[in-house]
């Protein structure tokens, strides 16, 4: 598979703090790739740096063969990159429909994608006219992902989708993400190693702002010492 996203030697400061100190990762097109690491390792900063929300001071980011570091966030998004932030960031007072409508890049995007979104997340069709604040936590996460899919993005950056959700809702969400990966490349941050191992074909481990290991998930699952050392998971 060819690489849709390539990150090389990424360094990002937030104020005086040197958060990313050399992140390298490759996301093949048509794959789910997961960023792994302990809390504070730099996973969310990596996603936000790719999207230009935080400006890297050094390094190279290529999307579909084009250098995108230094571009404004709106310009990066228009190239076909969607973002699902941690804690969902939906508009609670707006309806499900209105939350989806504000994500349109061009008039008619939502109408063109509606059947696809409803097939992926049937609950959203049932609650289409509900205020988003009345949805369950799992439904709000589905809405956040659906919102990033209103434009036909080629790459989704998804931060901690299973956080705070009940196991049965996590299973529903995993099924939707598996279906999604058939048409959209995904770079995922996921603290739940079980979820990550069942969803992702490839992984990159970040430790103290640096990439320390990457490869195929099936190979990582055979490296229990590596998992314990960097993730504390068995």
C-alpha atoms as a PDB file:
ATOM      1  CA  UNK A   1       0.000   0.000   0.000  1.00  0.00           C
ATOM      2  CA  UNK A   2       1.237   3.497  -0.778  1.00  0.00           C
ATOM      3  CA  UNK A   3       1.599   6.016   2.042  1.00  0.00           C
ATOM      4  CA  UNK A   4      -1.199   8.573   2.244  1.00  0.00           C
ATOM      5  CA  UNK A   5       0.411  10.380   5.195  1.00  0.00           C
ATOM      6  CA  UNK A   6       4.119  10.573   6.071  1.00  0.00           C
ATOM      7  CA  UNK A   7       5.533  12.353   9.116  1.00  0.00           C
ATOM      8  CA  UNK A   8       9.302  12.719   9.504  1.00  0.00           C
ATOM      9  CA  UNK A   9      11.272  14.213  12.383  1.00  0.00           C
ATOM     10  CA  UNK A  10       8.392  16.239  13.813  1.00  0.00           C
ATOM     11  CA  UNK A  11       9.248  18.704  16.599  1.00  0.00           C
ATOM     12  CA  UNK A  12       6.509  20.786  18.240  1.00  0.00           C
ATOM     13  CA  UNK A  13       6.769  23.251  21.114  1.00  0.00           C
ATOM     14  CA  UNK A  14       3.805  24.437  23.161  1.00  0.00           C
ATOM     15  CA  UNK A  15       5.007  27.591  24.853  1.00  0.00           C
ATOM     16  CA  UNK A  16       8.395  26.765  26.362  1.00  0.00           C
ATOM     17  CA  UNK A  17       7.695  23.016  26.420  1.00  0.00           C
ATOM     18  CA  UNK A  18       9.285  20.793  23.773  1.00  0.00           C
ATOM     19  CA  UNK A  19       6.450  18.264  23.427  1.00  0.00           C
ATOM     20  CA  UNK A  20       7.332  16.413  20.213  1.00  0.00           C
ATOM     21  CA  UNK A  21      11.030  15.643  19.912  1.00  0.00           C
ATOM     22  CA  UNK A  22      11.197  13.573  16.747  1.00  0.00           C
ATOM     23  CA  UNK A  23       8.006  11.804  15.684  1.00  0.00           C
ATOM     24  CA  UNK A  24       8.070   9.632  12.564  1.00  0.00           C
ATOM     25  CA  UNK A  25       5.059   7.717  11.278  1.00  0.00           C
ATOM     26  CA  UNK A  26       3.615   6.367   8.070  1.00  0.00           C
ATOM     27  CA  UNK A  27      -0.087   5.835   7.387  1.00  0.00           C
ATOM     28  CA  UNK A  28      -0.723   3.599   4.358  1.00  0.00           C
ATOM     29  CA  UNK A  29      -3.770   4.440   2.278  1.00  0.00           C
ATOM     30  CA  UNK A  30      -6.790   2.262   3.074  1.00  0.00           C
ATOM     31  CA  UNK A  31      -5.529   1.306   6.533  1.00  0.00           C
ATOM     32  CA  UNK A  32      -6.243   1.952  10.189  1.00  0.00           C
ATOM     33  CA  UNK A  33      -3.038   3.027  11.932  1.00  0.00           C
ATOM     34  CA  UNK A  34      -2.955   3.630  15.686  1.00  0.00           C
ATOM     35  CA  UNK A  35      -0.741   5.884  17.785  1.00  0.00           C
ATOM     36  CA  UNK A  36       0.061   4.161  21.070  1.00  0.00           C
ATOM     37  CA  UNK A  37       1.777   5.411  24.201  1.00  0.00           C
ATOM     38  CA  UNK A  38       1.219   6.322  27.811  1.00  0.00           C
ATOM     39  CA  UNK A  39      -0.651   9.462  28.862  1.00  0.00           C
ATOM     40  CA  UNK A  40       1.408  12.538  28.043  1.00  0.00           C
ATOM     41  CA  UNK A  41       3.571  10.801  25.451  1.00  0.00           C
ATOM     42  CA  UNK A  42       2.573  13.253  22.706  1.00  0.00           C
ATOM     43  CA  UNK A  43      -0.147  11.412  20.783  1.00  0.00           C
ATOM     44  CA  UNK A  44      -2.752  14.196  20.749  1.00  0.00           C
ATOM     45  CA  UNK A  45      -0.048  16.769  20.010  1.00  0.00           C
ATOM     46  CA  UNK A  46       0.927  14.692  16.976  1.00  0.00           C
ATOM     47  CA  UNK A  47      -2.622  14.767  15.592  1.00  0.00           C
ATOM     48  CA  UNK A  48      -2.969  18.486  16.216  1.00  0.00           C
ATOM     49  CA  UNK A  49       0.416  19.173  14.642  1.00  0.00           C
ATOM     50  CA  UNK A  50      -0.551  17.264  11.494  1.00  0.00           C
ATOM     51  CA  UNK A  51      -3.682  19.391  11.188  1.00  0.00           C
ATOM     52  CA  UNK A  52      -1.787  22.632  11.856  1.00  0.00           C
ATOM     53  CA  UNK A  53      -3.631  23.438  15.078  1.00  0.00           C
ATOM     54  CA  UNK A  54      -0.206  23.528  16.716  1.00  0.00           C
ATOM     55  CA  UNK A  55       2.637  24.593  14.432  1.00  0.00           C
ATOM     56  CA  UNK A  56       5.631  22.241  14.272  1.00  0.00           C
ATOM     57  CA  UNK A  57       8.986  23.982  14.471  1.00  0.00           C
ATOM     58  CA  UNK A  58      10.834  21.248  12.579  1.00  0.00           C
ATOM     59  CA  UNK A  59      10.023  18.211  10.511  1.00  0.00           C
ATOM     60  CA  UNK A  60       8.123  17.241   7.408  1.00  0.00           C
ATOM     61  CA  UNK A  61       4.480  16.279   6.905  1.00  0.00           C
ATOM     62  CA  UNK A  62       3.372  14.939   3.531  1.00  0.00           C
ATOM     63  CA  UNK A  63      -0.233  14.158   2.606  1.00  0.00           C
ATOM     64  CA  UNK A  64      -0.834  12.381  -0.691  1.00  0.00           C
ATOM     65  CA  UNK A  65       2.681  13.362  -1.778  1.00  0.00           C
ATOM     66  CA  UNK A  66       2.279  17.065  -0.916  1.00  0.00           C
ATOM     67  CA  UNK A  67       4.130  18.924   1.836  1.00  0.00           C
ATOM     68  CA  UNK A  68       1.510  20.398   4.179  1.00  0.00           C
ATOM     69  CA  UNK A  69       3.524  21.645   7.155  1.00  0.00           C
ATOM     70  CA  UNK A  70       3.151  25.394   7.459  1.00  0.00           C
ATOM     71  CA  UNK A  71      -0.283  25.497   5.830  1.00  0.00           C
ATOM     72  CA  UNK A  72      -3.208  26.962   7.763  1.00  0.00           C
ATOM     73  CA  UNK A  73      -5.578  24.456   9.354  1.00  0.00           C
ATOM     74  CA  UNK A  74      -8.466  25.285   7.034  1.00  0.00           C
ATOM     75  CA  UNK A  75      -6.236  24.705   3.999  1.00  0.00           C
ATOM     76  CA  UNK A  76      -5.079  21.338   5.366  1.00  0.00           C
ATOM     77  CA  UNK A  77      -8.668  20.294   6.064  1.00  0.00           C
ATOM     78  CA  UNK A  78      -9.717  21.206   2.514  1.00  0.00           C
ATOM     79  CA  UNK A  79      -7.175  18.751   1.148  1.00  0.00           C
ATOM     80  CA  UNK A  80      -9.332  15.972   2.606  1.00  0.00           C
ATOM     81  CA  UNK A  81      -8.352  15.538   6.256  1.00  0.00           C
ATOM     82  CA  UNK A  82     -11.042  15.333   8.946  1.00  0.00           C
ATOM     83  CA  UNK A  83     -10.504  15.569  12.705  1.00  0.00           C
ATOM     84  CA  UNK A  84     -12.478  14.028  15.566  1.00  0.00           C
ATOM     85  CA  UNK A  85     -11.093  15.611  18.747  1.00  0.00           C
ATOM     86  CA  UNK A  86     -10.943  14.093  22.193  1.00  0.00           C
ATOM     87  CA  UNK A  87     -14.111  14.799  24.226  1.00  0.00           C
ATOM     88  CA  UNK A  88     -16.141  15.099  20.949  1.00  0.00           C
ATOM     89  CA  UNK A  89     -16.621  18.905  20.897  1.00  0.00           C
ATOM     90  CA  UNK A  90     -20.139  18.735  19.482  1.00  0.00           C
ATOM     91  CA  UNK A  91     -22.581  21.655  19.654  1.00  0.00           C
ATOM     92  CA  UNK A  92     -24.930  20.492  22.394  1.00  0.00           C
ATOM     93  CA  UNK A  93     -27.672  23.053  21.758  1.00  0.00           C
ATOM     94  CA  UNK A  94     -27.861  22.246  18.040  1.00  0.00           C
ATOM     95  CA  UNK A  95     -29.727  19.261  16.650  1.00  0.00           C
ATOM     96  CA  UNK A  96     -27.970  16.278  15.133  1.00  0.00           C
ATOM     97  CA  UNK A  97     -28.878  17.598  11.691  1.00  0.00           C
ATOM     98  CA  UNK A  98     -27.523  21.064  12.479  1.00  0.00           C
ATOM     99  CA  UNK A  99     -24.263  19.611  13.861  1.00  0.00           C
ATOM    100  CA  UNK A 100     -23.788  17.743  10.593  1.00  0.00           C
ATOM    101  CA  UNK A 101     -24.825  20.699   8.473  1.00  0.00           C
ATOM    102  CA  UNK A 102     -22.131  22.990   9.883  1.00  0.00           C
ATOM    103  CA  UNK A 103     -19.490  20.502   8.677  1.00  0.00           C
ATOM    104  CA  UNK A 104     -20.358  21.007   5.005  1.00  0.00           C
ATOM    105  CA  UNK A 105     -17.532  22.347   2.868  1.00  0.00           C
ATOM    106  CA  UNK A 106     -19.821  22.725  -0.136  1.00  0.00           C
ATOM    107  CA  UNK A 107     -23.583  23.119  -0.301  1.00  0.00           C
ATOM    108  CA  UNK A 108     -25.226  19.706  -0.610  1.00  0.00           C
ATOM    109  CA  UNK A 109     -22.447  17.712   1.102  1.00  0.00           C
ATOM    110  CA  UNK A 110     -24.761  16.457   3.833  1.00  0.00           C
ATOM    111  CA  UNK A 111     -27.532  15.441   1.467  1.00  0.00           C
ATOM    112  CA  UNK A 112     -25.055  13.533  -0.695  1.00  0.00           C
ATOM    113  CA  UNK A 113     -23.584  11.670   2.307  1.00  0.00           C
ATOM    114  CA  UNK A 114     -26.726  11.197   4.386  1.00  0.00           C
ATOM    115  CA  UNK A 115     -27.474   7.590   3.369  1.00  0.00           C
ATOM    116  CA  UNK A 116     -23.859   6.592   4.004  1.00  0.00           C
ATOM    117  CA  UNK A 117     -23.860   8.217   7.449  1.00  0.00           C
ATOM    118  CA  UNK A 118     -27.176   6.660   8.457  1.00  0.00           C
ATOM    119  CA  UNK A 119     -25.965   3.214   7.389  1.00  0.00           C
ATOM    120  CA  UNK A 120     -22.827   3.689   9.468  1.00  0.00           C
ATOM    121  CA  UNK A 121     -24.669   5.136  12.501  1.00  0.00           C
ATOM    122  CA  UNK A 122     -28.378   4.160  12.469  1.00  0.00           C
ATOM    123  CA  UNK A 123     -29.004   5.866  15.837  1.00  0.00           C
ATOM    124  CA  UNK A 124     -28.364   9.249  14.266  1.00  0.00           C
ATOM    125  CA  UNK A 125     -31.207   8.779  11.807  1.00  0.00           C
ATOM    126  CA  UNK A 126     -33.621   8.064  14.657  1.00  0.00           C
ATOM    127  CA  UNK A 127     -32.478  11.145  16.588  1.00  0.00           C
ATOM    128  CA  UNK A 128     -31.833  13.418  13.632  1.00  0.00           C
ATOM    129  CA  UNK A 129     -33.893  16.293  15.048  1.00  0.00           C
ATOM    130  CA  UNK A 130     -32.874  15.877  18.701  1.00  0.00           C
ATOM    131  CA  UNK A 131     -30.576  18.377  20.423  1.00  0.00           C
ATOM    132  CA  UNK A 132     -27.136  16.771  20.500  1.00  0.00           C
ATOM    133  CA  UNK A 133     -26.928  17.361  24.256  1.00  0.00           C
ATOM    134  CA  UNK A 134     -29.727  14.815  24.739  1.00  0.00           C
ATOM    135  CA  UNK A 135     -27.759  12.000  23.106  1.00  0.00           C
ATOM    136  CA  UNK A 136     -25.914   9.367  25.105  1.00  0.00           C
ATOM    137  CA  UNK A 137     -22.129   9.544  25.296  1.00  0.00           C
ATOM    138  CA  UNK A 138     -21.816   6.848  22.652  1.00  0.00           C
ATOM    139  CA  UNK A 139     -24.241   8.576  20.321  1.00  0.00           C
ATOM    140  CA  UNK A 140     -22.365  11.857  20.756  1.00  0.00           C
ATOM    141  CA  UNK A 141     -19.163  10.091  19.719  1.00  0.00           C
ATOM    142  CA  UNK A 142     -20.941   8.681  16.678  1.00  0.00           C
ATOM    143  CA  UNK A 143     -22.099  12.203  15.834  1.00  0.00           C
ATOM    144  CA  UNK A 144     -18.557  13.566  16.173  1.00  0.00           C
ATOM    145  CA  UNK A 145     -17.237  10.948  13.742  1.00  0.00           C
ATOM    146  CA  UNK A 146     -20.175  11.413  11.353  1.00  0.00           C
ATOM    147  CA  UNK A 147     -19.554  15.161  11.328  1.00  0.00           C
ATOM    148  CA  UNK A 148     -15.990  14.568  10.102  1.00  0.00           C
ATOM    149  CA  UNK A 149     -17.404  12.404   7.314  1.00  0.00           C
ATOM    150  CA  UNK A 150     -19.842  14.957   5.886  1.00  0.00           C
ATOM    151  CA  UNK A 151     -17.178  16.072   3.399  1.00  0.00           C
ATOM    152  CA  UNK A 152     -15.585  13.164   1.532  1.00  0.00           C
ATOM    153  CA  UNK A 153     -12.371  13.168   3.556  1.00  0.00           C
ATOM    154  CA  UNK A 154      -9.656  10.733   2.562  1.00  0.00           C
ATOM    155  CA  UNK A 155      -8.055  10.687   6.025  1.00  0.00           C
ATOM    156  CA  UNK A 156      -9.619  10.869   9.468  1.00  0.00           C
ATOM    157  CA  UNK A 157      -7.628  11.752  12.596  1.00  0.00           C
ATOM    158  CA  UNK A 158      -9.595  10.336  15.544  1.00  0.00           C
ATOM    159  CA  UNK A 159      -8.559  11.008  19.153  1.00  0.00           C
ATOM    160  CA  UNK A 160      -9.594   8.521  21.884  1.00  0.00           C
ATOM    161  CA  UNK A 161     -12.973   7.425  20.437  1.00  0.00           C
ATOM    162  CA  UNK A 162     -13.663   4.812  23.133  1.00  0.00           C
ATOM    163  CA  UNK A 163     -12.890   7.028  26.139  1.00  0.00           C
ATOM    164  CA  UNK A 164     -15.617   6.916  28.796  1.00  0.00           C
ATOM    165  CA  UNK A 165     -17.921   4.602  26.842  1.00  0.00           C
ATOM    166  CA  UNK A 166     -19.614   1.416  28.076  1.00  0.00           C
ATOM    167  CA  UNK A 167     -18.271  -1.854  26.595  1.00  0.00           C
ATOM    168  CA  UNK A 168     -21.402  -2.523  24.536  1.00  0.00           C
ATOM    169  CA  UNK A 169     -21.174   0.956  22.972  1.00  0.00           C
ATOM    170  CA  UNK A 170     -17.479   0.458  22.270  1.00  0.00           C
ATOM    171  CA  UNK A 171     -18.342  -2.697  20.320  1.00  0.00           C
ATOM    172  CA  UNK A 172     -20.873  -0.758  18.212  1.00  0.00           C
ATOM    173  CA  UNK A 173     -18.338   1.970  17.573  1.00  0.00           C
ATOM    174  CA  UNK A 174     -15.661  -0.550  16.593  1.00  0.00           C
ATOM    175  CA  UNK A 175     -18.003  -2.141  14.082  1.00  0.00           C
ATOM    176  CA  UNK A 176     -18.693   1.259  12.528  1.00  0.00           C
ATOM    177  CA  UNK A 177     -14.970   2.071  12.318  1.00  0.00           C
ATOM    178  CA  UNK A 178     -14.268  -1.287  10.657  1.00  0.00           C
ATOM    179  CA  UNK A 179     -16.907  -0.497   8.037  1.00  0.00           C
ATOM    180  CA  UNK A 180     -15.500   2.993   7.603  1.00  0.00           C
ATOM    181  CA  UNK A 181     -11.958   1.762   6.960  1.00  0.00           C
ATOM    182  CA  UNK A 182     -13.089   0.211   3.680  1.00  0.00           C
ATOM    183  CA  UNK A 183     -13.406   3.694   2.172  1.00  0.00           C
ATOM    184  CA  UNK A 184     -11.468   6.081   4.459  1.00  0.00           C
ATOM    185  CA  UNK A 185      -7.937   5.921   5.872  1.00  0.00           C
ATOM    186  CA  UNK A 186      -7.810   6.366   9.650  1.00  0.00           C
ATOM    187  CA  UNK A 187      -5.084   7.531  12.033  1.00  0.00           C
ATOM    188  CA  UNK A 188      -6.304   6.727  15.518  1.00  0.00           C
ATOM    189  CA  UNK A 189      -5.179   7.615  19.028  1.00  0.00           C
ATOM    190  CA  UNK A 190      -6.524   4.966  21.389  1.00  0.00           C
ATOM    191  CA  UNK A 191      -5.576   4.305  25.007  1.00  0.00           C
ATOM    192  CA  UNK A 192      -7.587   1.064  25.182  1.00  0.00           C
ATOM    193  CA  UNK A 193      -5.092  -1.453  23.832  1.00  0.00           C
ATOM    194  CA  UNK A 194      -7.719  -4.113  23.206  1.00  0.00           C
ATOM    195  CA  UNK A 195      -9.686  -1.732  20.986  1.00  0.00           C
ATOM    196  CA  UNK A 196      -6.523  -0.610  19.211  1.00  0.00           C
ATOM    197  CA  UNK A 197      -5.349  -4.174  18.584  1.00  0.00           C
ATOM    198  CA  UNK A 198      -8.687  -5.215  17.082  1.00  0.00           C
ATOM    199  CA  UNK A 199      -9.030  -2.185  14.812  1.00  0.00           C
ATOM    200  CA  UNK A 200      -5.567  -1.296  13.549  1.00  0.00           C
ATOM    201  CA  UNK A 201      -3.387  -2.973  10.941  1.00  0.00           C
ATOM    202  CA  UNK A 202      -0.369  -0.833  11.841  1.00  0.00           C
ATOM    203  CA  UNK A 203       0.924   0.973  14.914  1.00  0.00           C
ATOM    204  CA  UNK A 204       3.420   3.595  16.029  1.00  0.00           C
ATOM    205  CA  UNK A 205       4.470   3.818  19.688  1.00  0.00           C
ATOM    206  CA  UNK A 206       5.374   7.268  21.029  1.00  0.00           C
ATOM    207  CA  UNK A 207       7.401   7.672  24.225  1.00  0.00           C
ATOM    208  CA  UNK A 208       8.371  11.095  25.624  1.00  0.00           C
ATOM    209  CA  UNK A 209       7.576  12.815  22.330  1.00  0.00           C
ATOM    210  CA  UNK A 210       9.571  10.410  20.140  1.00  0.00           C
ATOM    211  CA  UNK A 211       8.600   7.487  17.929  1.00  0.00           C
ATOM    212  CA  UNK A 212      10.223   4.395  19.399  1.00  0.00           C
ATOM    213  CA  UNK A 213       8.594   1.506  17.503  1.00  0.00           C
ATOM    214  CA  UNK A 214       6.304   1.015  14.526  1.00  0.00           C
ATOM    215  CA  UNK A 215       5.137  -1.848  12.387  1.00  0.00           C
ATOM    216  CA  UNK A 216       2.297  -4.297  11.910  1.00  0.00           C
ATOM    217  CA  UNK A 217      -0.138  -4.834  14.764  1.00  0.00           C
ATOM    218  CA  UNK A 218      -0.021  -8.603  14.297  1.00  0.00           C
ATOM    219  CA  UNK A 219       3.721  -8.484  15.003  1.00  0.00           C
ATOM    220  CA  UNK A 220       3.307  -6.250  18.066  1.00  0.00           C
ATOM    221  CA  UNK A 221       0.838  -8.711  19.600  1.00  0.00           C
ATOM    222  CA  UNK A 222       3.652 -11.275  19.745  1.00  0.00           C
ATOM    223  CA  UNK A 223       5.929  -8.838  21.604  1.00  0.00           C
ATOM    224  CA  UNK A 224       4.502  -8.904  25.121  1.00  0.00           C
ATOM    225  CA  UNK A 225       7.675  -7.467  26.652  1.00  0.00           C
ATOM    226  CA  UNK A 226       7.441  -4.492  24.295  1.00  0.00           C
ATOM    227  CA  UNK A 227       3.769  -3.958  25.104  1.00  0.00           C
ATOM    228  CA  UNK A 228       4.464  -4.073  28.847  1.00  0.00           C
ATOM    229  CA  UNK A 229       7.477  -1.764  28.596  1.00  0.00           C
ATOM    230  CA  UNK A 230       5.822   1.051  26.666  1.00  0.00           C
ATOM    231  CA  UNK A 231       2.097   0.617  27.284  1.00  0.00           C
ATOM    232  CA  UNK A 232       1.769  -1.209  30.590  1.00  0.00           C
ATOM    233  CA  UNK A 233      -0.794  -3.506  28.975  1.00  0.00           C
ATOM    234  CA  UNK A 234      -0.726  -7.278  28.827  1.00  0.00           C
END
